[in-house]
């Protein structure tokens, strides 16, 4: 295994964890409890976790793709 691949894996894991944490924090500002049915707390919490992972992963992938492609711009000029 190449050192670059290991570094990229660590950067990807850290990015995903960071953006999932930021998304969780941001979603705490919404009162999603009001949208939940009474006595369905477990389903509501699971939905919140899944929504957090989905949004956080999507934002992280966007960030990593942007970083990846911006590093390849110099190859356009030679």
C-alpha atoms as a PDB file:
ATOM      1  CA  UNK A   1       0.000   0.000   0.000  1.00  0.00           C
ATOM      2  CA  UNK A   2       1.273   3.438  -0.887  1.00  0.00           C
ATOM      3  CA  UNK A   3       1.794   6.143   1.703  1.00  0.00           C
ATOM      4  CA  UNK A   4      -0.331   8.532  -0.399  1.00  0.00           C
ATOM      5  CA  UNK A   5      -3.274   6.144  -0.301  1.00  0.00           C
ATOM      6  CA  UNK A   6      -3.031   5.893   3.493  1.00  0.00           C
ATOM      7  CA  UNK A   7      -2.890   9.658   3.852  1.00  0.00           C
ATOM      8  CA  UNK A   8      -5.865  10.039   1.547  1.00  0.00           C
ATOM      9  CA  UNK A   9      -7.823   7.480   3.588  1.00  0.00           C
ATOM     10  CA  UNK A  10      -7.109   9.311   6.839  1.00  0.00           C
ATOM     11  CA  UNK A  11      -8.034  12.650   5.264  1.00  0.00           C
ATOM     12  CA  UNK A  12     -11.295  11.165   3.939  1.00  0.00           C
ATOM     13  CA  UNK A  13     -12.221   9.671   7.330  1.00  0.00           C
ATOM     14  CA  UNK A  14     -11.426  12.909   9.149  1.00  0.00           C
ATOM     15  CA  UNK A  15     -13.384  14.948   6.610  1.00  0.00           C
ATOM     16  CA  UNK A  16     -16.445  12.702   6.883  1.00  0.00           C
ATOM     17  CA  UNK A  17     -16.367  12.765  10.688  1.00  0.00           C
ATOM     18  CA  UNK A  18     -15.887  16.534  10.737  1.00  0.00           C
ATOM     19  CA  UNK A  19     -18.768  17.270   8.369  1.00  0.00           C
ATOM     20  CA  UNK A  20     -21.080  14.748  10.053  1.00  0.00           C
ATOM     21  CA  UNK A  21     -20.357  16.461  13.390  1.00  0.00           C
ATOM     22  CA  UNK A  22     -20.970  19.915  11.908  1.00  0.00           C
ATOM     23  CA  UNK A  23     -24.212  18.705  10.315  1.00  0.00           C
ATOM     24  CA  UNK A  24     -25.397  17.232  13.624  1.00  0.00           C
ATOM     25  CA  UNK A  25     -24.649  20.539  15.338  1.00  0.00           C
ATOM     26  CA  UNK A  26     -26.456  22.507  12.614  1.00  0.00           C
ATOM     27  CA  UNK A  27     -29.538  20.281  12.716  1.00  0.00           C
ATOM     28  CA  UNK A  28     -29.832  20.857  16.459  1.00  0.00           C
ATOM     29  CA  UNK A  29     -31.033  24.357  15.578  1.00  0.00           C
ATOM     30  CA  UNK A  30     -34.224  22.935  14.056  1.00  0.00           C
ATOM     31  CA  UNK A  31     -37.143  21.685  16.100  1.00  0.00           C
ATOM     32  CA  UNK A  32     -37.703  18.476  14.202  1.00  0.00           C
ATOM     33  CA  UNK A  33     -39.492  17.053  17.246  1.00  0.00           C
ATOM     34  CA  UNK A  34     -42.559  19.023  16.241  1.00  0.00           C
ATOM     35  CA  UNK A  35     -42.737  17.040  12.989  1.00  0.00           C
ATOM     36  CA  UNK A  36     -42.609  13.682  14.767  1.00  0.00           C
ATOM     37  CA  UNK A  37     -45.629  11.680  15.781  1.00  0.00           C
ATOM     38  CA  UNK A  38     -46.193  11.249  19.510  1.00  0.00           C
ATOM     39  CA  UNK A  39     -44.572   8.141  21.020  1.00  0.00           C
ATOM     40  CA  UNK A  40     -42.285   7.705  17.979  1.00  0.00           C
ATOM     41  CA  UNK A  41     -39.141   9.075  19.603  1.00  0.00           C
ATOM     42  CA  UNK A  42     -36.875   6.198  18.552  1.00  0.00           C
ATOM     43  CA  UNK A  43     -37.853   6.508  14.899  1.00  0.00           C
ATOM     44  CA  UNK A  44     -37.373  10.272  15.090  1.00  0.00           C
ATOM     45  CA  UNK A  45     -33.886   9.942  16.539  1.00  0.00           C
ATOM     46  CA  UNK A  46     -32.937   7.322  13.961  1.00  0.00           C
ATOM     47  CA  UNK A  47     -34.195   9.618  11.200  1.00  0.00           C
ATOM     48  CA  UNK A  48     -32.107  12.460  12.644  1.00  0.00           C
ATOM     49  CA  UNK A  49     -28.987  10.250  12.658  1.00  0.00           C
ATOM     50  CA  UNK A  50     -29.572   9.035   9.098  1.00  0.00           C
ATOM     51  CA  UNK A  51     -30.251  12.569   7.884  1.00  0.00           C
ATOM     52  CA  UNK A  52     -27.070  13.773   9.574  1.00  0.00           C
ATOM     53  CA  UNK A  53     -24.957  11.041   7.974  1.00  0.00           C
ATOM     54  CA  UNK A  54     -26.497  11.615   4.538  1.00  0.00           C
ATOM     55  CA  UNK A  55     -25.994  15.389   4.551  1.00  0.00           C
ATOM     56  CA  UNK A  56     -22.566  15.247   6.224  1.00  0.00           C
ATOM     57  CA  UNK A  57     -21.274  12.616   3.794  1.00  0.00           C
ATOM     58  CA  UNK A  58     -22.579  14.524   0.788  1.00  0.00           C
ATOM     59  CA  UNK A  59     -20.923  17.753   1.935  1.00  0.00           C
ATOM     60  CA  UNK A  60     -17.696  15.905   2.731  1.00  0.00           C
ATOM     61  CA  UNK A  61     -17.670  14.253  -0.705  1.00  0.00           C
ATOM     62  CA  UNK A  62     -18.212  17.637  -2.342  1.00  0.00           C
ATOM     63  CA  UNK A  63     -15.343  19.120  -0.342  1.00  0.00           C
ATOM     64  CA  UNK A  64     -13.007  16.217  -1.153  1.00  0.00           C
ATOM     65  CA  UNK A  65     -13.941  16.249  -4.858  1.00  0.00           C
ATOM     66  CA  UNK A  66     -13.350  19.993  -4.995  1.00  0.00           C
ATOM     67  CA  UNK A  67      -9.959  19.537  -3.339  1.00  0.00           C
ATOM     68  CA  UNK A  68      -9.048  16.644  -5.659  1.00  0.00           C
ATOM     69  CA  UNK A  69      -9.967  18.473  -8.849  1.00  0.00           C
ATOM     70  CA  UNK A  70      -8.396  21.762  -7.787  1.00  0.00           C
ATOM     71  CA  UNK A  71      -5.095  19.938  -7.269  1.00  0.00           C
ATOM     72  CA  UNK A  72      -5.250  18.732 -10.878  1.00  0.00           C
ATOM     73  CA  UNK A  73      -5.751  22.164 -12.478  1.00  0.00           C
ATOM     74  CA  UNK A  74      -1.987  22.705 -13.033  1.00  0.00           C
ATOM     75  CA  UNK A  75      -1.906  19.621 -15.298  1.00  0.00           C
ATOM     76  CA  UNK A  76      -4.130  21.579 -17.689  1.00  0.00           C
ATOM     77  CA  UNK A  77      -1.220  23.877 -18.543  1.00  0.00           C
ATOM     78  CA  UNK A  78       1.462  21.345 -19.463  1.00  0.00           C
END
